[in-house]
Amino acid sequence: MPDKFVFADEAGCFTFNRDQNVSRFFVLCTVVMNDCRVATDLLELRRRLAWDGAELGEYFHATTDKQDVRNAVFDVIRRHEFKVQATIMEKSKAQPQVKETKPTFYQYGYFYHFKFGVSRLLGPASETLVTTASLGTRKEKVAFEGAVSDVMRQTNGSRQWKADFMPCHSDPCLQVADYCAWAIQRKWERDDTRSYDLISDRISYEYDLWARGTTHYY
């Protein structure tokens, strides 16, 4: 059994222009946990909210949840120990070869994300299960696995890890990653830190990947 659990999600769209309702940033987000007990508490919260007549979607999803539901979810999340890592990618600074395909974009971002944000939280002999919300295509899954595999091999070859892909509604821990990604994106896109402030003490890594870049490609 693994002794570390990493749940990954992202925020932002894969559209490269300045049209209305197109995100400026693409945010890669992971949550590292030693156990998954938060999942039990989120399921219990779901049952309680349903009993109380709250307006709910099919699962906790920060973008569409009502504010009172978000408040309750963040309250439960904050009772548990975890670390959050975020890589911020300002899409207009992505070089043409980086954004040529979605798998290429994923692999580029996740390689740096795991190398500098996640790997230092894993012990040299750790056994890690990396779960991400289902990616759209087989190529995207291969790109994700390739990025993580490269990092694990380069930083410590003795680490054991496995990747798993599932819909966000299938695991409440993925919903934790969704909420954290959403909160971080709100900060960067809208300068809205209300939700970000609730998890800021859990953030171990938040890096603007192209902060030093000066060229915008659109």
C-alpha atoms as a PDB file:
ATOM      1  CA  MET A   1       0.000   0.000   0.000  1.00  0.00           C
ATOM      2  CA  PRO A   2       1.203   3.555  -0.676  1.00  0.00           C
ATOM      3  CA  ASP A   3       2.309   5.814   2.145  1.00  0.00           C
ATOM      4  CA  LYS A   4       1.789   9.000   0.124  1.00  0.00           C
ATOM      5  CA  PHE A   5      -1.197  10.059  -1.921  1.00  0.00           C
ATOM      6  CA  VAL A   6      -1.051  12.757  -4.590  1.00  0.00           C
ATOM      7  CA  PHE A   7      -4.248  14.079  -6.155  1.00  0.00           C
ATOM      8  CA  ALA A   8      -3.960  16.284  -9.229  1.00  0.00           C
ATOM      9  CA  ASP A   9      -6.327  18.629 -10.997  1.00  0.00           C
ATOM     10  CA  GLU A  10      -6.084  21.783 -13.064  1.00  0.00           C
ATOM     11  CA  ALA A  11      -7.957  25.030 -13.592  1.00  0.00           C
ATOM     12  CA  GLY A  12      -8.248  27.095 -16.741  1.00  0.00           C
ATOM     13  CA  CYS A  13      -9.011  26.303 -20.349  1.00  0.00           C
ATOM     14  CA  PHE A  14      -6.866  25.052 -23.189  1.00  0.00           C
ATOM     15  CA  THR A  15      -7.615  28.024 -25.434  1.00  0.00           C
ATOM     16  CA  PHE A  16      -4.907  30.399 -26.551  1.00  0.00           C
ATOM     17  CA  ASN A  17      -6.420  33.784 -27.328  1.00  0.00           C
ATOM     18  CA  ARG A  18      -7.725  36.837 -25.509  1.00  0.00           C
ATOM     19  CA  ASP A  19     -11.418  36.322 -26.171  1.00  0.00           C
ATOM     20  CA  GLN A  20     -13.953  36.903 -23.455  1.00  0.00           C
ATOM     21  CA  ASN A  21     -14.332  34.029 -20.958  1.00  0.00           C
ATOM     22  CA  VAL A  22     -10.925  32.598 -21.908  1.00  0.00           C
ATOM     23  CA  SER A  23      -8.618  32.100 -18.940  1.00  0.00           C
ATOM     24  CA  ARG A  24      -5.359  33.996 -18.792  1.00  0.00           C
ATOM     25  CA  PHE A  25      -3.683  31.297 -16.718  1.00  0.00           C
ATOM     26  CA  PHE A  26      -3.600  27.519 -16.681  1.00  0.00           C
ATOM     27  CA  VAL A  27      -3.083  26.231 -13.137  1.00  0.00           C
ATOM     28  CA  LEU A  28      -1.685  22.786 -12.351  1.00  0.00           C
ATOM     29  CA  CYS A  29      -2.507  21.792  -8.798  1.00  0.00           C
ATOM     30  CA  THR A  30      -1.646  18.816  -6.615  1.00  0.00           C
ATOM     31  CA  VAL A  31      -2.533  17.921  -3.060  1.00  0.00           C
ATOM     32  CA  VAL A  32      -0.200  15.613  -1.124  1.00  0.00           C
ATOM     33  CA  MET A  33      -1.673  13.601   1.766  1.00  0.00           C
ATOM     34  CA  ASN A  34      -0.449  10.928   4.128  1.00  0.00           C
ATOM     35  CA  ASP A  35      -3.945   9.450   4.332  1.00  0.00           C
ATOM     36  CA  CYS A  36      -7.328   9.905   2.708  1.00  0.00           C
ATOM     37  CA  ARG A  37      -9.534  10.407   5.747  1.00  0.00           C
ATOM     38  CA  VAL A  38     -10.821  13.701   4.376  1.00  0.00           C
ATOM     39  CA  ALA A  39     -12.784  11.633   1.848  1.00  0.00           C
ATOM     40  CA  THR A  40     -14.919  10.103   4.602  1.00  0.00           C
ATOM     41  CA  ASP A  41     -15.702  13.511   6.061  1.00  0.00           C
ATOM     42  CA  LEU A  42     -16.648  14.939   2.668  1.00  0.00           C
ATOM     43  CA  LEU A  43     -19.017  12.057   2.031  1.00  0.00           C
ATOM     44  CA  GLU A  44     -20.578  12.652   5.431  1.00  0.00           C
ATOM     45  CA  LEU A  45     -20.892  16.365   4.615  1.00  0.00           C
ATOM     46  CA  ARG A  46     -22.602  15.491   1.355  1.00  0.00           C
ATOM     47  CA  ARG A  47     -25.196  13.397   3.183  1.00  0.00           C
ATOM     48  CA  ARG A  48     -25.819  16.122   5.748  1.00  0.00           C
ATOM     49  CA  LEU A  49     -26.227  18.832   3.118  1.00  0.00           C
ATOM     50  CA  ALA A  50     -28.610  16.628   1.149  1.00  0.00           C
ATOM     51  CA  TRP A  51     -30.660  16.033   4.283  1.00  0.00           C
ATOM     52  CA  ASP A  52     -30.728  19.780   4.983  1.00  0.00           C
ATOM     53  CA  GLY A  53     -32.036  20.476   1.506  1.00  0.00           C
ATOM     54  CA  ALA A  54     -28.955  22.240   0.143  1.00  0.00           C
ATOM     55  CA  GLU A  55     -28.743  22.771  -3.614  1.00  0.00           C
ATOM     56  CA  LEU A  56     -26.147  20.251  -4.760  1.00  0.00           C
ATOM     57  CA  GLY A  57     -24.640  19.073  -8.008  1.00  0.00           C
ATOM     58  CA  GLU A  58     -23.640  15.500  -8.679  1.00  0.00           C
ATOM     59  CA  TYR A  59     -20.447  16.020  -6.657  1.00  0.00           C
ATOM     60  CA  PHE A  60     -18.532  18.854  -4.991  1.00  0.00           C
ATOM     61  CA  HIS A  61     -17.221  21.099  -7.757  1.00  0.00           C
ATOM     62  CA  ALA A  62     -16.010  24.553  -6.748  1.00  0.00           C
ATOM     63  CA  THR A  63     -16.875  26.290 -10.018  1.00  0.00           C
ATOM     64  CA  THR A  64     -20.565  25.401  -9.853  1.00  0.00           C
ATOM     65  CA  ASP A  65     -21.234  24.902  -6.132  1.00  0.00           C
ATOM     66  CA  LYS A  66     -23.258  27.529  -4.273  1.00  0.00           C
ATOM     67  CA  GLN A  67     -21.311  29.699  -1.849  1.00  0.00           C
ATOM     68  CA  ASP A  68     -22.853  28.123   1.243  1.00  0.00           C
ATOM     69  CA  VAL A  69     -21.786  24.707  -0.046  1.00  0.00           C
ATOM     70  CA  ARG A  70     -18.271  25.996  -0.774  1.00  0.00           C
ATOM     71  CA  ASN A  71     -18.051  27.363   2.753  1.00  0.00           C
ATOM     72  CA  ALA A  72     -18.990  23.985   4.195  1.00  0.00           C
ATOM     73  CA  VAL A  73     -16.527  22.114   1.971  1.00  0.00           C
ATOM     74  CA  PHE A  74     -13.646  24.423   2.839  1.00  0.00           C
ATOM     75  CA  ASP A  75     -14.532  24.060   6.528  1.00  0.00           C
ATOM     76  CA  VAL A  76     -14.194  20.263   6.272  1.00  0.00           C
ATOM     77  CA  ILE A  77     -11.042  20.407   4.153  1.00  0.00           C
ATOM     78  CA  ARG A  78      -9.285  22.696   6.624  1.00  0.00           C
ATOM     79  CA  ARG A  79      -9.655  20.125   9.419  1.00  0.00           C
ATOM     80  CA  HIS A  80      -7.204  17.808   7.677  1.00  0.00           C
ATOM     81  CA  GLU A  81      -3.466  17.864   7.049  1.00  0.00           C
ATOM     82  CA  PHE A  82      -2.270  18.160   3.460  1.00  0.00           C
ATOM     83  CA  LYS A  83       0.095  20.198   1.315  1.00  0.00           C
ATOM     84  CA  VAL A  84      -0.839  22.026  -1.869  1.00  0.00           C
ATOM     85  CA  GLN A  85       1.406  22.691  -4.858  1.00  0.00           C
ATOM     86  CA  ALA A  86       0.515  24.951  -7.773  1.00  0.00           C
ATOM     87  CA  THR A  87       2.277  25.771 -11.022  1.00  0.00           C
ATOM     88  CA  ILE A  88       0.937  28.853 -12.754  1.00  0.00           C
ATOM     89  CA  MET A  89       1.270  28.976 -16.547  1.00  0.00           C
ATOM     90  CA  GLU A  90       0.464  32.306 -18.201  1.00  0.00           C
ATOM     91  CA  LYS A  91      -0.758  30.935 -21.495  1.00  0.00           C
ATOM     92  CA  SER A  92       0.177  33.888 -23.694  1.00  0.00           C
ATOM     93  CA  LYS A  93       3.849  33.289 -22.786  1.00  0.00           C
ATOM     94  CA  ALA A  94       3.824  29.656 -23.912  1.00  0.00           C
ATOM     95  CA  GLN A  95       6.146  29.183 -26.864  1.00  0.00           C
ATOM     96  CA  PRO A  96       4.515  27.719 -29.988  1.00  0.00           C
ATOM     97  CA  GLN A  97       6.178  24.309 -29.589  1.00  0.00           C
ATOM     98  CA  VAL A  98       4.962  24.035 -25.983  1.00  0.00           C
ATOM     99  CA  LYS A  99       1.303  24.611 -26.834  1.00  0.00           C
ATOM    100  CA  GLU A 100       1.334  22.679 -30.112  1.00  0.00           C
ATOM    101  CA  THR A 101      -0.790  19.932 -28.563  1.00  0.00           C
ATOM    102  CA  LYS A 102      -2.558  19.498 -25.274  1.00  0.00           C
ATOM    103  CA  PRO A 103      -0.425  16.444 -24.303  1.00  0.00           C
ATOM    104  CA  THR A 104       2.750  18.475 -24.961  1.00  0.00           C
ATOM    105  CA  PHE A 105       1.454  21.316 -22.811  1.00  0.00           C
ATOM    106  CA  TYR A 106       0.527  18.885 -20.009  1.00  0.00           C
ATOM    107  CA  GLN A 107       3.865  17.121 -20.070  1.00  0.00           C
ATOM    108  CA  TYR A 108       5.867  20.343 -20.056  1.00  0.00           C
ATOM    109  CA  GLY A 109       3.982  21.793 -17.120  1.00  0.00           C
ATOM    110  CA  TYR A 110       3.688  18.655 -15.037  1.00  0.00           C
ATOM    111  CA  PHE A 111       7.369  17.818 -15.431  1.00  0.00           C
ATOM    112  CA  TYR A 112       8.419  21.042 -13.725  1.00  0.00           C
ATOM    113  CA  HIS A 113       5.534  20.827 -11.286  1.00  0.00           C
ATOM    114  CA  PHE A 114       6.510  17.401  -9.982  1.00  0.00           C
ATOM    115  CA  LYS A 115      10.235  18.064 -10.125  1.00  0.00           C
ATOM    116  CA  PHE A 116      10.187  21.232  -8.039  1.00  0.00           C
ATOM    117  CA  GLY A 117       6.830  21.163  -6.265  1.00  0.00           C
ATOM    118  CA  VAL A 118       6.023  17.576  -5.383  1.00  0.00           C
ATOM    119  CA  SER A 119       9.134  15.373  -5.334  1.00  0.00           C
ATOM    120  CA  ARG A 120      10.701  17.105  -2.332  1.00  0.00           C
ATOM    121  CA  LEU A 121       7.696  16.097  -0.231  1.00  0.00           C
ATOM    122  CA  LEU A 122       8.235  12.421  -0.977  1.00  0.00           C
ATOM    123  CA  GLY A 123      10.699  10.328   0.985  1.00  0.00           C
ATOM    124  CA  PRO A 124      13.517   8.490  -0.810  1.00  0.00           C
ATOM    125  CA  ALA A 125      11.751   5.163  -0.337  1.00  0.00           C
ATOM    126  CA  SER A 126       8.187   6.436  -0.558  1.00  0.00           C
ATOM    127  CA  GLU A 127       5.424   4.499  -2.259  1.00  0.00           C
ATOM    128  CA  THR A 128       3.166   7.018  -3.920  1.00  0.00           C
ATOM    129  CA  LEU A 129      -0.193   6.722  -5.633  1.00  0.00           C
ATOM    130  CA  VAL A 130      -0.731   9.638  -8.004  1.00  0.00           C
ATOM    131  CA  THR A 131      -4.392  10.102  -8.913  1.00  0.00           C
ATOM    132  CA  THR A 132      -5.566  12.671 -11.413  1.00  0.00           C
ATOM    133  CA  ALA A 133      -8.973  13.606 -12.685  1.00  0.00           C
ATOM    134  CA  SER A 134      -9.564  11.726 -15.913  1.00  0.00           C
ATOM    135  CA  LEU A 135      -7.765  13.320 -18.822  1.00  0.00           C
ATOM    136  CA  GLY A 136      -9.546  13.467 -22.142  1.00  0.00           C
ATOM    137  CA  THR A 137      -7.403  11.256 -24.340  1.00  0.00           C
ATOM    138  CA  ARG A 138      -4.957   8.395 -24.122  1.00  0.00           C
ATOM    139  CA  LYS A 139      -2.178  10.725 -25.327  1.00  0.00           C
ATOM    140  CA  GLU A 140      -2.883  13.106 -22.449  1.00  0.00           C
ATOM    141  CA  LYS A 141      -2.660  10.225 -19.984  1.00  0.00           C
ATOM    142  CA  VAL A 142       0.620   9.054 -21.515  1.00  0.00           C
ATOM    143  CA  ALA A 143       1.964  12.618 -21.333  1.00  0.00           C
ATOM    144  CA  PHE A 144       1.028  12.876 -17.657  1.00  0.00           C
ATOM    145  CA  GLU A 145       2.584   9.516 -16.809  1.00  0.00           C
ATOM    146  CA  GLY A 146       5.689  10.378 -18.821  1.00  0.00           C
ATOM    147  CA  ALA A 147       6.196  13.677 -17.002  1.00  0.00           C
ATOM    148  CA  VAL A 148       5.812  12.086 -13.573  1.00  0.00           C
ATOM    149  CA  SER A 149       7.985   9.102 -14.521  1.00  0.00           C
ATOM    150  CA  ASP A 150      10.810  11.364 -15.723  1.00  0.00           C
ATOM    151  CA  VAL A 151      10.765  13.310 -12.475  1.00  0.00           C
ATOM    152  CA  MET A 152      10.660  10.231 -10.270  1.00  0.00           C
ATOM    153  CA  ARG A 153      13.535   8.663 -12.180  1.00  0.00           C
ATOM    154  CA  GLN A 154      15.675  11.814 -12.119  1.00  0.00           C
ATOM    155  CA  THR A 155      15.088  12.771  -8.488  1.00  0.00           C
ATOM    156  CA  ASN A 156      15.216   9.349  -6.906  1.00  0.00           C
ATOM    157  CA  GLY A 157      15.152   6.113  -8.832  1.00  0.00           C
ATOM    158  CA  SER A 158      14.187   4.032  -5.794  1.00  0.00           C
ATOM    159  CA  ARG A 159      10.792   5.651  -5.396  1.00  0.00           C
ATOM    160  CA  GLN A 160       7.840   3.483  -6.271  1.00  0.00           C
ATOM    161  CA  TRP A 161       4.759   5.102  -7.734  1.00  0.00           C
ATOM    162  CA  LYS A 162       1.649   4.320  -9.699  1.00  0.00           C
ATOM    163  CA  ALA A 163      -0.710   6.561 -11.653  1.00  0.00           C
ATOM    164  CA  ASP A 164      -4.478   6.282 -11.546  1.00  0.00           C
ATOM    165  CA  PHE A 165      -7.077   8.184 -13.573  1.00  0.00           C
ATOM    166  CA  MET A 166     -10.704   8.547 -12.562  1.00  0.00           C
ATOM    167  CA  PRO A 167     -13.582  11.009 -12.881  1.00  0.00           C
ATOM    168  CA  CYS A 168     -13.543  13.749 -10.271  1.00  0.00           C
ATOM    169  CA  HIS A 169     -16.851  12.573  -8.829  1.00  0.00           C
ATOM    170  CA  SER A 170     -15.398   9.140  -8.078  1.00  0.00           C
ATOM    171  CA  ASP A 171     -13.039  10.235  -5.291  1.00  0.00           C
ATOM    172  CA  PRO A 172     -13.686  13.055  -2.792  1.00  0.00           C
ATOM    173  CA  CYS A 173      -9.925  13.611  -2.530  1.00  0.00           C
ATOM    174  CA  LEU A 174      -9.933  14.722  -6.165  1.00  0.00           C
ATOM    175  CA  GLN A 175     -12.590  17.213  -5.134  1.00  0.00           C
ATOM    176  CA  VAL A 176     -10.120  18.612  -2.591  1.00  0.00           C
ATOM    177  CA  ALA A 177      -7.670  19.180  -5.446  1.00  0.00           C
ATOM    178  CA  ASP A 178     -10.456  20.773  -7.491  1.00  0.00           C
ATOM    179  CA  TYR A 179     -11.290  23.200  -4.681  1.00  0.00           C
ATOM    180  CA  CYS A 180      -7.640  24.134  -4.157  1.00  0.00           C
ATOM    181  CA  ALA A 181      -7.050  24.648  -7.887  1.00  0.00           C
ATOM    182  CA  TRP A 182     -10.150  26.829  -8.097  1.00  0.00           C
ATOM    183  CA  ALA A 183      -9.111  28.958  -5.123  1.00  0.00           C
ATOM    184  CA  ILE A 184      -5.637  29.525  -6.551  1.00  0.00           C
ATOM    185  CA  GLN A 185      -6.982  30.344 -10.005  1.00  0.00           C
ATOM    186  CA  ARG A 186      -9.390  32.915  -8.518  1.00  0.00           C
ATOM    187  CA  LYS A 187      -6.428  34.647  -6.944  1.00  0.00           C
ATOM    188  CA  TRP A 188      -4.460  34.813 -10.184  1.00  0.00           C
ATOM    189  CA  GLU A 189      -7.323  35.522 -12.585  1.00  0.00           C
ATOM    190  CA  ARG A 190      -9.429  37.920 -10.506  1.00  0.00           C
ATOM    191  CA  ASP A 191      -7.260  38.963  -7.572  1.00  0.00           C
ATOM    192  CA  ASP A 192      -9.925  37.339  -5.383  1.00  0.00           C
ATOM    193  CA  THR A 193      -8.219  35.779  -2.360  1.00  0.00           C
ATOM    194  CA  ARG A 194     -11.248  34.962  -0.208  1.00  0.00           C
ATOM    195  CA  SER A 195     -11.005  31.214  -0.782  1.00  0.00           C
ATOM    196  CA  TYR A 196      -7.244  31.271  -1.322  1.00  0.00           C
ATOM    197  CA  ASP A 197      -6.764  32.659   2.181  1.00  0.00           C
ATOM    198  CA  LEU A 198      -8.524  29.603   3.609  1.00  0.00           C
ATOM    199  CA  ILE A 199      -5.865  27.253   2.238  1.00  0.00           C
ATOM    200  CA  SER A 200      -2.830  29.554   2.069  1.00  0.00           C
ATOM    201  CA  ASP A 201      -1.213  27.938   5.116  1.00  0.00           C
ATOM    202  CA  ARG A 202      -1.278  24.563   3.292  1.00  0.00           C
ATOM    203  CA  ILE A 203       0.458  25.803   0.144  1.00  0.00           C
ATOM    204  CA  SER A 204       4.033  24.508   0.008  1.00  0.00           C
ATOM    205  CA  TYR A 205       4.744  25.557  -3.577  1.00  0.00           C
ATOM    206  CA  GLU A 206       3.213  28.212  -5.809  1.00  0.00           C
ATOM    207  CA  TYR A 207       5.289  29.135  -8.814  1.00  0.00           C
ATOM    208  CA  ASP A 208       4.711  31.279 -11.878  1.00  0.00           C
ATOM    209  CA  LEU A 209       6.505  29.140 -14.450  1.00  0.00           C
ATOM    210  CA  TRP A 210       7.082  31.930 -16.961  1.00  0.00           C
ATOM    211  CA  ALA A 211       7.357  34.858 -14.564  1.00  0.00           C
ATOM    212  CA  ARG A 212      10.607  35.979 -16.181  1.00  0.00           C
ATOM    213  CA  GLY A 213       9.263  35.738 -19.692  1.00  0.00           C
ATOM    214  CA  THR A 214       8.630  38.983 -21.530  1.00  0.00           C
ATOM    215  CA  THR A 215       7.339  37.696 -24.872  1.00  0.00           C
ATOM    216  CA  HIS A 216       3.619  37.223 -25.386  1.00  0.00           C
ATOM    217  CA  TYR A 217       2.635  35.102 -28.374  1.00  0.00           C
ATOM    218  CA  TYR A 218      -0.896  36.476 -28.640  1.00  0.00           C
END
